[in-house]
Amino acid sequence: DVNSPIIMRGKEGKYLAYGKTNGGRLLLVVWVAKYRKTKIITARDMSKKEKQFYKRRKK
């Protein structure tokens, strides 16, 4: 699927999702999952470096 996010495990138990909205916006979402609860840390537009990473991985 074209809009399937790239999900990675980061440091300190954080997860990162790099994805593209149906409108074409490139977003990064960072969250923590502990004790059956999820807490969103941030959701924002990708930086230039993150966009490059995303585009390389989606080829």
N, C-alpha and C. Protein backbone atom coordinates (compact mmCIF):
# COMPACT_ATOMS: atom_id res chain seq x y z
N ASP A 1 0.84 -1.19 0.00
CA ASP A 1 0.00 0.00 0.00
C ASP A 1 0.88 1.25 0.00
N VAL A 2 0.55 2.20 -0.82
CA VAL A 2 1.34 3.42 -0.96
C VAL A 2 1.38 4.21 0.34
N ASN A 3 0.29 4.28 1.07
CA ASN A 3 0.23 5.09 2.29
C ASN A 3 0.55 4.31 3.56
N SER A 4 1.11 3.12 3.45
CA SER A 4 1.49 2.37 4.64
C SER A 4 2.67 3.06 5.31
N PRO A 5 2.58 3.34 6.60
CA PRO A 5 3.69 4.02 7.27
C PRO A 5 4.88 3.10 7.50
N ILE A 6 6.03 3.72 7.68
CA ILE A 6 7.23 3.00 8.11
C ILE A 6 7.26 3.15 9.63
N ILE A 7 7.19 2.05 10.34
CA ILE A 7 7.18 2.10 11.80
C ILE A 7 8.48 1.50 12.32
N MET A 8 9.13 2.26 13.20
CA MET A 8 10.41 1.84 13.76
C MET A 8 10.40 2.01 15.27
N ARG A 9 11.21 1.21 15.92
CA ARG A 9 11.38 1.37 17.36
C ARG A 9 12.57 2.30 17.59
N GLY A 10 12.37 3.31 18.41
CA GLY A 10 13.43 4.27 18.71
C GLY A 10 14.04 4.00 20.07
N LYS A 11 14.71 5.00 20.59
CA LYS A 11 15.35 4.90 21.90
C LYS A 11 14.32 5.08 23.01
N GLU A 12 14.64 4.55 24.18
CA GLU A 12 13.84 4.72 25.39
C GLU A 12 12.39 4.28 25.23
N GLY A 13 12.16 3.22 24.45
CA GLY A 13 10.83 2.67 24.31
C GLY A 13 9.90 3.45 23.41
N LYS A 14 10.45 4.41 22.67
CA LYS A 14 9.62 5.22 21.77
C LYS A 14 9.46 4.52 20.43
N TYR A 15 8.37 4.80 19.78
CA TYR A 15 8.11 4.30 18.43
C TYR A 15 7.95 5.50 17.51
N LEU A 16 8.39 5.32 16.25
CA LEU A 16 8.29 6.38 15.25
C LEU A 16 7.55 5.84 14.04
N ALA A 17 6.63 6.63 13.53
CA ALA A 17 5.91 6.27 12.31
C ALA A 17 6.11 7.39 11.29
N TYR A 18 6.70 7.04 10.16
CA TYR A 18 6.89 7.96 9.05
C TYR A 18 5.81 7.62 8.03
N GLY A 19 4.99 8.61 7.66
CA GLY A 19 3.91 8.29 6.75
C GLY A 19 3.45 9.47 5.92
N LYS A 20 2.59 9.15 4.97
CA LYS A 20 2.05 10.13 4.04
C LYS A 20 0.53 10.12 4.15
N THR A 21 -0.06 11.30 4.31
CA THR A 21 -1.51 11.41 4.39
C THR A 21 -2.11 11.27 2.99
N ASN A 22 -3.42 11.08 2.93
CA ASN A 22 -4.10 11.01 1.63
C ASN A 22 -3.94 12.31 0.86
N GLY A 23 -3.72 13.42 1.57
CA GLY A 23 -3.51 14.71 0.93
C GLY A 23 -2.08 14.95 0.50
N GLY A 24 -1.18 13.99 0.79
CA GLY A 24 0.21 14.10 0.37
C GLY A 24 1.15 14.69 1.40
N ARG A 25 0.66 14.98 2.58
CA ARG A 25 1.50 15.56 3.64
C ARG A 25 2.35 14.46 4.28
N LEU A 26 3.64 14.74 4.47
CA LEU A 26 4.56 13.77 5.09
C LEU A 26 4.66 14.08 6.58
N LEU A 27 4.27 13.11 7.40
CA LEU A 27 4.22 13.30 8.85
C LEU A 27 5.10 12.30 9.59
N LEU A 28 5.60 12.75 10.74
CA LEU A 28 6.30 11.88 11.68
C LEU A 28 5.49 11.89 12.97
N VAL A 29 5.16 10.70 13.46
CA VAL A 29 4.44 10.57 14.73
C VAL A 29 5.33 9.76 15.67
N VAL A 30 5.52 10.27 16.89
CA VAL A 30 6.33 9.58 17.89
C VAL A 30 5.43 9.30 19.09
N TRP A 31 5.50 8.05 19.59
CA TRP A 31 4.67 7.68 20.74
C TRP A 31 5.40 6.69 21.62
N VAL A 32 4.88 6.53 22.83
CA VAL A 32 5.39 5.57 23.81
C VAL A 32 4.23 4.65 24.17
N ALA A 33 4.50 3.36 24.25
CA ALA A 33 3.48 2.39 24.66
C ALA A 33 3.97 1.72 25.94
N LYS A 34 3.22 1.92 27.03
CA LYS A 34 3.57 1.31 28.32
C LYS A 34 2.31 0.85 29.01
N TYR A 35 2.38 -0.32 29.59
CA TYR A 35 1.29 -0.84 30.41
C TYR A 35 -0.07 -0.73 29.71
N ARG A 36 -0.11 -1.16 28.46
CA ARG A 36 -1.34 -1.20 27.66
C ARG A 36 -1.93 0.19 27.41
N LYS A 37 -1.09 1.22 27.54
CA LYS A 37 -1.52 2.59 27.24
C LYS A 37 -0.56 3.18 26.22
N THR A 38 -1.07 4.06 25.39
CA THR A 38 -0.25 4.73 24.38
C THR A 38 -0.30 6.23 24.62
N LYS A 39 0.87 6.86 24.59
CA LYS A 39 0.95 8.31 24.77
C LYS A 39 1.65 8.90 23.55
N ILE A 40 0.97 9.80 22.85
CA ILE A 40 1.57 10.48 21.71
C ILE A 40 2.53 11.53 22.23
N ILE A 41 3.77 11.49 21.76
CA ILE A 41 4.78 12.47 22.15
C ILE A 41 4.72 13.67 21.22
N THR A 42 4.69 13.40 19.91
CA THR A 42 4.61 14.48 18.93
C THR A 42 4.07 13.94 17.61
N ALA A 43 3.48 14.82 16.85
CA ALA A 43 3.05 14.54 15.48
C ALA A 43 3.32 15.83 14.71
N ARG A 44 4.16 15.74 13.68
CA ARG A 44 4.58 16.96 12.98
C ARG A 44 4.98 16.64 11.55
N ASP A 45 5.15 17.70 10.76
CA ASP A 45 5.68 17.52 9.41
C ASP A 45 7.11 17.03 9.51
N MET A 46 7.51 16.18 8.57
CA MET A 46 8.88 15.67 8.56
C MET A 46 9.87 16.77 8.21
N SER A 47 11.06 16.66 8.79
CA SER A 47 12.16 17.55 8.42
C SER A 47 12.69 17.12 7.05
N LYS A 48 13.55 17.92 6.47
CA LYS A 48 14.14 17.59 5.17
C LYS A 48 14.87 16.24 5.23
N LYS A 49 15.63 16.03 6.29
CA LYS A 49 16.38 14.78 6.46
C LYS A 49 15.43 13.58 6.60
N GLU A 50 14.35 13.75 7.35
CA GLU A 50 13.35 12.68 7.54
C GLU A 50 12.64 12.36 6.23
N LYS A 51 12.35 13.40 5.43
CA LYS A 51 11.73 13.18 4.12
C LYS A 51 12.64 12.36 3.22
N GLN A 52 13.93 12.67 3.24
CA GLN A 52 14.90 11.91 2.43
C GLN A 52 14.92 10.46 2.87
N PHE A 53 14.95 10.21 4.17
CA PHE A 53 14.93 8.85 4.71
C PHE A 53 13.67 8.11 4.25
N TYR A 54 12.52 8.77 4.40
CA TYR A 54 11.24 8.16 4.03
C TYR A 54 11.21 7.80 2.55
N LYS A 55 11.62 8.73 1.71
CA LYS A 55 11.58 8.50 0.26
C LYS A 55 12.52 7.38 -0.16
N ARG A 56 13.69 7.29 0.48
CA ARG A 56 14.62 6.18 0.18
C ARG A 56 14.02 4.83 0.57
N ARG A 57 13.37 4.78 1.72
CA ARG A 57 12.79 3.52 2.21
C ARG A 57 11.56 3.08 1.44
N LYS A 58 10.84 4.02 0.84
CA LYS A 58 9.60 3.69 0.12
C LYS A 58 9.83 3.29 -1.33
N LYS A 59 11.07 3.35 -1.81
CA LYS A 59 11.35 2.96 -3.21
C LYS A 59 11.15 1.48 -3.41
